[in-house]
Amino acid sequence: MQTKTIKMICGYREIPVSDLAEKLNKSTSNFYQMLKRDNFRESELEEIADALGCNIKISFVDKSTGKEF
């Protein structure tokens, strides 16, 4: 799920994924493996968001009501 969002933001900001990998001091192949895994730690998401010029928002949402906490 996060990979889709990361790629969408890259497209919106016209940043090639390879350039994002470079900003994160990761090899392109390593970063593509991270994207393929699509299982990021919170610290990784914060670093990616910062490199993309974004804030990150993590919240809990009640499954039955949709209320966000």
PDB file of N, CA and C in Angstrom:
ATOM      1  N   MET A   1       0.822  -1.201   0.000  1.00  0.00           N
ATOM      2  CA  MET A   1       0.000   0.000   0.000  1.00  0.00           C
ATOM      3  C   MET A   1       0.868   1.267   0.000  1.00  0.00           C
ATOM      4  N   GLN A   2       1.926   1.279   0.823  1.00  0.00           N
ATOM      5  CA  GLN A   2       2.772   2.470   0.867  1.00  0.00           C
ATOM      6  C   GLN A   2       3.540   2.660  -0.431  1.00  0.00           C
ATOM      7  N   THR A   3       3.926   1.557  -1.073  1.00  0.00           N
ATOM      8  CA  THR A   3       4.670   1.657  -2.330  1.00  0.00           C
ATOM      9  C   THR A   3       3.865   2.415  -3.367  1.00  0.00           C
ATOM     10  N   LYS A   4       2.581   2.128  -3.443  1.00  0.00           N
ATOM     11  CA  LYS A   4       1.707   2.801  -4.404  1.00  0.00           C
ATOM     12  C   LYS A   4       1.689   4.312  -4.129  1.00  0.00           C
ATOM     13  N   THR A   5       1.601   4.668  -2.868  1.00  0.00           N
ATOM     14  CA  THR A   5       1.583   6.087  -2.489  1.00  0.00           C
ATOM     15  C   THR A   5       2.912   6.759  -2.805  1.00  0.00           C
ATOM     16  N   ILE A   6       4.007   6.078  -2.491  1.00  0.00           N
ATOM     17  CA  ILE A   6       5.339   6.636  -2.764  1.00  0.00           C
ATOM     18  C   ILE A   6       5.512   6.882  -4.257  1.00  0.00           C
ATOM     19  N   LYS A   7       5.130   5.911  -5.071  1.00  0.00           N
ATOM     20  CA  LYS A   7       5.249   6.069  -6.524  1.00  0.00           C
ATOM     21  C   LYS A   7       4.332   7.170  -7.040  1.00  0.00           C
ATOM     22  N   MET A   8       3.128   7.291  -6.454  1.00  0.00           N
ATOM     23  CA  MET A   8       2.193   8.341  -6.865  1.00  0.00           C
ATOM     24  C   MET A   8       2.792   9.723  -6.582  1.00  0.00           C
ATOM     25  N   ILE A   9       3.387   9.891  -5.396  1.00  0.00           N
ATOM     26  CA  ILE A   9       3.987  11.181  -5.041  1.00  0.00           C
ATOM     27  C   ILE A   9       5.181  11.474  -5.939  1.00  0.00           C
ATOM     28  N   CYS A  10       5.989  10.453  -6.231  1.00  0.00           N
ATOM     29  CA  CYS A  10       7.119  10.643  -7.158  1.00  0.00           C
ATOM     30  C   CYS A  10       6.611  11.147  -8.505  1.00  0.00           C
ATOM     31  N   GLY A  11       5.539  10.542  -8.994  1.00  0.00           N
ATOM     32  CA  GLY A  11       4.962  10.979 -10.264  1.00  0.00           C
ATOM     33  C   GLY A  11       4.435  12.403 -10.192  1.00  0.00           C
ATOM     34  N   TYR A  12       3.737  12.719  -9.115  1.00  0.00           N
ATOM     35  CA  TYR A  12       3.174  14.056  -8.916  1.00  0.00           C
ATOM     36  C   TYR A  12       4.276  15.108  -8.862  1.00  0.00           C
ATOM     37  N   ARG A  13       5.372  14.777  -8.195  1.00  0.00           N
ATOM     38  CA  ARG A  13       6.485  15.719  -8.055  1.00  0.00           C
ATOM     39  C   ARG A  13       7.511  15.598  -9.184  1.00  0.00           C
ATOM     40  N   GLU A  14       7.229  14.692 -10.123  1.00  0.00           N
ATOM     41  CA  GLU A  14       8.116  14.442 -11.265  1.00  0.00           C
ATOM     42  C   GLU A  14       9.535  14.099 -10.801  1.00  0.00           C
ATOM     43  N   ILE A  15       9.604  13.211  -9.805  1.00  0.00           N
ATOM     44  CA  ILE A  15      10.883  12.732  -9.273  1.00  0.00           C
ATOM     45  C   ILE A  15      11.016  11.267  -9.665  1.00  0.00           C
ATOM     46  N   PRO A  16      12.007  10.915 -10.467  1.00  0.00           N
ATOM     47  CA  PRO A  16      12.221   9.495 -10.763  1.00  0.00           C
ATOM     48  C   PRO A  16      12.544   8.728  -9.477  1.00  0.00           C
ATOM     49  N   VAL A  17      12.070   7.502  -9.395  1.00  0.00           N
ATOM     50  CA  VAL A  17      12.329   6.680  -8.209  1.00  0.00           C
ATOM     51  C   VAL A  17      13.833   6.536  -7.973  1.00  0.00           C
ATOM     52  N   SER A  18      14.595   6.492  -9.041  1.00  0.00           N
ATOM     53  CA  SER A  18      16.056   6.387  -8.892  1.00  0.00           C
ATOM     54  C   SER A  18      16.626   7.630  -8.199  1.00  0.00           C
ATOM     55  N   ASP A  19      16.056   8.807  -8.473  1.00  0.00           N
ATOM     56  CA  ASP A  19      16.500  10.035  -7.800  1.00  0.00           C
ATOM     57  C   ASP A  19      16.130  10.005  -6.320  1.00  0.00           C
ATOM     58  N   LEU A  20      14.953   9.461  -6.016  1.00  0.00           N
ATOM     59  CA  LEU A  20      14.550   9.331  -4.615  1.00  0.00           C
ATOM     60  C   LEU A  20      15.507   8.399  -3.884  1.00  0.00           C
ATOM     61  N   ALA A  21      15.860   7.295  -4.522  1.00  0.00           N
ATOM     62  CA  ALA A  21      16.821   6.359  -3.925  1.00  0.00           C
ATOM     63  C   ALA A  21      18.130   7.079  -3.613  1.00  0.00           C
ATOM     64  N   GLU A  22      18.585   7.898  -4.539  1.00  0.00           N
ATOM     65  CA  GLU A  22      19.833   8.643  -4.339  1.00  0.00           C
ATOM     66  C   GLU A  22      19.712   9.601  -3.156  1.00  0.00           C
ATOM     67  N   LYS A  23      18.568  10.293  -3.041  1.00  0.00           N
ATOM     68  CA  LYS A  23      18.349  11.206  -1.915  1.00  0.00           C
ATOM     69  C   LYS A  23      18.397  10.469  -0.580  1.00  0.00           C
ATOM     70  N   LEU A  24      18.017   9.187  -0.613  1.00  0.00           N
ATOM     71  CA  LEU A  24      17.989   8.370   0.600  1.00  0.00           C
ATOM     72  C   LEU A  24      19.306   7.637   0.837  1.00  0.00           C
ATOM     73  N   ASN A  25      20.288   7.915  -0.019  1.00  0.00           N
ATOM     74  CA  ASN A  25      21.600   7.258   0.059  1.00  0.00           C
ATOM     75  C   ASN A  25      21.479   5.734  -0.037  1.00  0.00           C
ATOM     76  N   LYS A  26      20.620   5.289  -0.955  1.00  0.00           N
ATOM     77  CA  LYS A  26      20.430   3.865  -1.204  1.00  0.00           C
ATOM     78  C   LYS A  26      20.679   3.604  -2.681  1.00  0.00           C
ATOM     79  N   SER A  27      21.129   2.412  -2.982  1.00  0.00           N
ATOM     80  CA  SER A  27      21.271   2.065  -4.392  1.00  0.00           C
ATOM     81  C   SER A  27      19.871   1.917  -4.982  1.00  0.00           C
ATOM     82  N   THR A  28      19.770   2.152  -6.279  1.00  0.00           N
ATOM     83  CA  THR A  28      18.474   2.029  -6.945  1.00  0.00           C
ATOM     84  C   THR A  28      17.916   0.627  -6.777  1.00  0.00           C
ATOM     85  N   SER A  29      18.753  -0.402  -6.954  1.00  0.00           N
ATOM     86  CA  SER A  29      18.261  -1.777  -6.833  1.00  0.00           C
ATOM     87  C   SER A  29      17.810  -2.083  -5.409  1.00  0.00           C
ATOM     88  N   ASN A  30      18.520  -1.569  -4.410  1.00  0.00           N
ATOM     89  CA  ASN A  30      18.129  -1.773  -3.023  1.00  0.00           C
ATOM     90  C   ASN A  30      16.780  -1.114  -2.755  1.00  0.00           C
ATOM     91  N   PHE A  31      16.607   0.104  -3.262  1.00  0.00           N
ATOM     92  CA  PHE A  31      15.355   0.822  -3.021  1.00  0.00           C
ATOM     93  C   PHE A  31      14.196   0.145  -3.741  1.00  0.00           C
ATOM     94  N   TYR A  32      14.417  -0.351  -4.949  1.00  0.00           N
ATOM     95  CA  TYR A  32      13.351  -1.069  -5.649  1.00  0.00           C
ATOM     96  C   TYR A  32      12.964  -2.332  -4.883  1.00  0.00           C
ATOM     97  N   GLN A  33      13.924  -2.985  -4.236  1.00  0.00           N
ATOM     98  CA  GLN A  33      13.613  -4.156  -3.408  1.00  0.00           C
ATOM     99  C   GLN A  33      12.754  -3.752  -2.211  1.00  0.00           C
ATOM    100  N   MET A  34      13.055  -2.595  -1.625  1.00  0.00           N
ATOM    101  CA  MET A  34      12.232  -2.090  -0.518  1.00  0.00           C
ATOM    102  C   MET A  34      10.807  -1.852  -0.989  1.00  0.00           C
ATOM    103  N   LEU A  35      10.680  -1.245  -2.182  1.00  0.00           N
ATOM    104  CA  LEU A  35       9.349  -0.974  -2.719  1.00  0.00           C
ATOM    105  C   LEU A  35       8.604  -2.267  -3.007  1.00  0.00           C
ATOM    106  N   LYS A  36       9.314  -3.240  -3.531  1.00  0.00           N
ATOM    107  CA  LYS A  36       8.700  -4.530  -3.844  1.00  0.00           C
ATOM    108  C   LYS A  36       8.215  -5.220  -2.566  1.00  0.00           C
ATOM    109  N   ARG A  37       9.005  -5.119  -1.515  1.00  0.00           N
ATOM    110  CA  ARG A  37       8.662  -5.709  -0.218  1.00  0.00           C
ATOM    111  C   ARG A  37       7.403  -5.056   0.362  1.00  0.00           C
ATOM    112  N   ASP A  38       7.271  -3.740   0.170  1.00  0.00           N
ATOM    113  CA  ASP A  38       6.126  -2.951   0.643  1.00  0.00           C
ATOM    114  C   ASP A  38       5.814  -3.210   2.116  1.00  0.00           C
ATOM    115  N   ASN A  39       6.861  -3.237   2.915  1.00  0.00           N
ATOM    116  CA  ASN A  39       6.717  -3.447   4.350  1.00  0.00           C
ATOM    117  C   ASN A  39       7.742  -2.557   5.041  1.00  0.00           C
ATOM    118  N   PHE A  40       7.379  -1.303   5.197  1.00  0.00           N
ATOM    119  CA  PHE A  40       8.320  -0.296   5.682  1.00  0.00           C
ATOM    120  C   PHE A  40       8.207  -0.101   7.189  1.00  0.00           C
ATOM    121  N   ARG A  41       9.333   0.171   7.809  1.00  0.00           N
ATOM    122  CA  ARG A  41       9.324   0.600   9.205  1.00  0.00           C
ATOM    123  C   ARG A  41       8.888   2.068   9.226  1.00  0.00           C
ATOM    124  N   GLU A  42       8.398   2.494  10.370  1.00  0.00           N
ATOM    125  CA  GLU A  42       7.969   3.884  10.514  1.00  0.00           C
ATOM    126  C   GLU A  42       9.126   4.837  10.213  1.00  0.00           C
ATOM    127  N   SER A  43      10.315   4.514  10.679  1.00  0.00           N
ATOM    128  CA  SER A  43      11.479   5.377  10.449  1.00  0.00           C
ATOM    129  C   SER A  43      11.797   5.490   8.958  1.00  0.00           C
ATOM    130  N   GLU A  44      11.625   4.406   8.212  1.00  0.00           N
ATOM    131  CA  GLU A  44      11.854   4.441   6.762  1.00  0.00           C
ATOM    132  C   GLU A  44      10.833   5.337   6.083  1.00  0.00           C
ATOM    133  N   LEU A  45       9.576   5.236   6.504  1.00  0.00           N
ATOM    134  CA  LEU A  45       8.531   6.086   5.910  1.00  0.00           C
ATOM    135  C   LEU A  45       8.778   7.556   6.216  1.00  0.00           C
ATOM    136  N   GLU A  46       9.233   7.852   7.423  1.00  0.00           N
ATOM    137  CA  GLU A  46       9.543   9.242   7.773  1.00  0.00           C
ATOM    138  C   GLU A  46      10.676   9.786   6.910  1.00  0.00           C
ATOM    139  N   GLU A  47      11.687   8.973   6.680  1.00  0.00           N
ATOM    140  CA  GLU A  47      12.824   9.380   5.849  1.00  0.00           C
ATOM    141  C   GLU A  47      12.380   9.604   4.396  1.00  0.00           C
ATOM    142  N   ILE A  48      11.555   8.714   3.883  1.00  0.00           N
ATOM    143  CA  ILE A  48      11.049   8.846   2.508  1.00  0.00           C
ATOM    144  C   ILE A  48      10.170  10.084   2.385  1.00  0.00           C
ATOM    145  N   ALA A  49       9.281  10.286   3.355  1.00  0.00           N
ATOM    146  CA  ALA A  49       8.406  11.462   3.327  1.00  0.00           C
ATOM    147  C   ALA A  49       9.223  12.743   3.337  1.00  0.00           C
ATOM    148  N   ASP A  50      10.244  12.791   4.170  1.00  0.00           N
ATOM    149  CA  ASP A  50      11.109  13.972   4.235  1.00  0.00           C
ATOM    150  C   ASP A  50      11.797  14.220   2.893  1.00  0.00           C
ATOM    151  N   ALA A  51      12.299  13.149   2.275  1.00  0.00           N
ATOM    152  CA  ALA A  51      12.975  13.286   0.977  1.00  0.00           C
ATOM    153  C   ALA A  51      12.018  13.756  -0.105  1.00  0.00           C
ATOM    154  N   LEU A  52      10.731  13.447   0.054  1.00  0.00           N
ATOM    155  CA  LEU A  52       9.719  13.863  -0.926  1.00  0.00           C
ATOM    156  C   LEU A  52       9.095  15.215  -0.580  1.00  0.00           C
ATOM    157  N   GLY A  53       9.527  15.803   0.532  1.00  0.00           N
ATOM    158  CA  GLY A  53       8.981  17.093   0.946  1.00  0.00           C
ATOM    159  C   GLY A  53       7.568  16.960   1.478  1.00  0.00           C
ATOM    160  N   CYS A  54       7.291  15.860   2.160  1.00  0.00           N
ATOM    161  CA  CYS A  54       5.955  15.597   2.690  1.00  0.00           C
ATOM    162  C   CYS A  54       6.020  15.360   4.190  1.00  0.00           C
ATOM    163  N   ASN A  55       4.879  15.511   4.832  1.00  0.00           N
ATOM    164  CA  ASN A  55       4.712  15.076   6.213  1.00  0.00           C
ATOM    165  C   ASN A  55       4.068  13.703   6.166  1.00  0.00           C
ATOM    166  N   ILE A  56       4.244  12.938   7.211  1.00  0.00           N
ATOM    167  CA  ILE A  56       3.646  11.621   7.285  1.00  0.00           C
ATOM    168  C   ILE A  56       2.616  11.623   8.408  1.00  0.00           C
ATOM    169  N   LYS A  57       1.502  10.938   8.169  1.00  0.00           N
ATOM    170  CA  LYS A  57       0.436  10.865   9.158  1.00  0.00           C
ATOM    171  C   LYS A  57       0.100   9.394   9.355  1.00  0.00           C
ATOM    172  N   ILE A  58       0.230   8.924  10.592  1.00  0.00           N
ATOM    173  CA  ILE A  58      -0.110   7.550  10.922  1.00  0.00           C
ATOM    174  C   ILE A  58      -1.214   7.613  11.966  1.00  0.00           C
ATOM    175  N   SER A  59      -2.284   6.884  11.729  1.00  0.00           N
ATOM    176  CA  SER A  59      -3.386   6.926  12.674  1.00  0.00           C
ATOM    177  C   SER A  59      -4.074   5.569  12.756  1.00  0.00           C
ATOM    178  N   PHE A  60      -4.844   5.403  13.793  1.00  0.00           N
ATOM    179  CA  PHE A  60      -5.679   4.229  13.942  1.00  0.00           C
ATOM    180  C   PHE A  60      -7.097   4.605  13.532  1.00  0.00           C
ATOM    181  N   VAL A  61      -7.767   3.687  12.829  1.00  0.00           N
ATOM    182  CA  VAL A  61      -9.123   3.939  12.374  1.00  0.00           C
ATOM    183  C   VAL A  61      -9.992   2.768  12.836  1.00  0.00           C
ATOM    184  N   ASP A  62     -11.076   3.099  13.522  1.00  0.00           N
ATOM    185  CA  ASP A  62     -12.014   2.075  13.983  1.00  0.00           C
ATOM    186  C   ASP A  62     -12.630   1.373  12.791  1.00  0.00           C
ATOM    187  N   LYS A  63     -12.508   0.052  12.755  1.00  0.00           N
ATOM    188  CA  LYS A  63     -12.982  -0.723  11.606  1.00  0.00           C
ATOM    189  C   LYS A  63     -14.494  -0.666  11.433  1.00  0.00           C
ATOM    190  N   SER A  64     -15.229  -0.598  12.509  1.00  0.00           N
ATOM    191  CA  SER A  64     -16.682  -0.609  12.377  1.00  0.00           C
ATOM    192  C   SER A  64     -17.282   0.752  12.078  1.00  0.00           C
ATOM    193  N   THR A  65     -16.673   1.823  12.592  1.00  0.00           N
ATOM    194  CA  THR A  65     -17.254   3.150  12.402  1.00  0.00           C
ATOM    195  C   THR A  65     -16.481   4.037  11.429  1.00  0.00           C
ATOM    196  N   GLY A  66     -15.216   3.704  11.210  1.00  0.00           N
ATOM    197  CA  GLY A  66     -14.383   4.551  10.353  1.00  0.00           C
ATOM    198  C   GLY A  66     -13.808   5.749  11.071  1.00  0.00           C
ATOM    199  N   LYS A  67     -14.098   5.866  12.393  1.00  0.00           N
ATOM    200  CA  LYS A  67     -13.590   6.997  13.165  1.00  0.00           C
ATOM    201  C   LYS A  67     -12.081   6.904  13.288  1.00  0.00           C
ATOM    202  N   GLU A  68     -11.426   8.007  13.015  1.00  0.00           N
ATOM    203  CA  GLU A  68      -9.970   8.087  13.080  1.00  0.00           C
ATOM    204  C   GLU A  68      -9.544   8.597  14.443  1.00  0.00           C
ATOM    205  N   PHE A  69      -8.524   7.945  15.007  1.00  0.00           N
ATOM    206  CA  PHE A  69      -8.010   8.351  16.314  1.00  0.00           C
ATOM    207  C   PHE A  69      -6.616   8.897  16.176  1.00  0.00           C
TER     208      PHE A  69
END
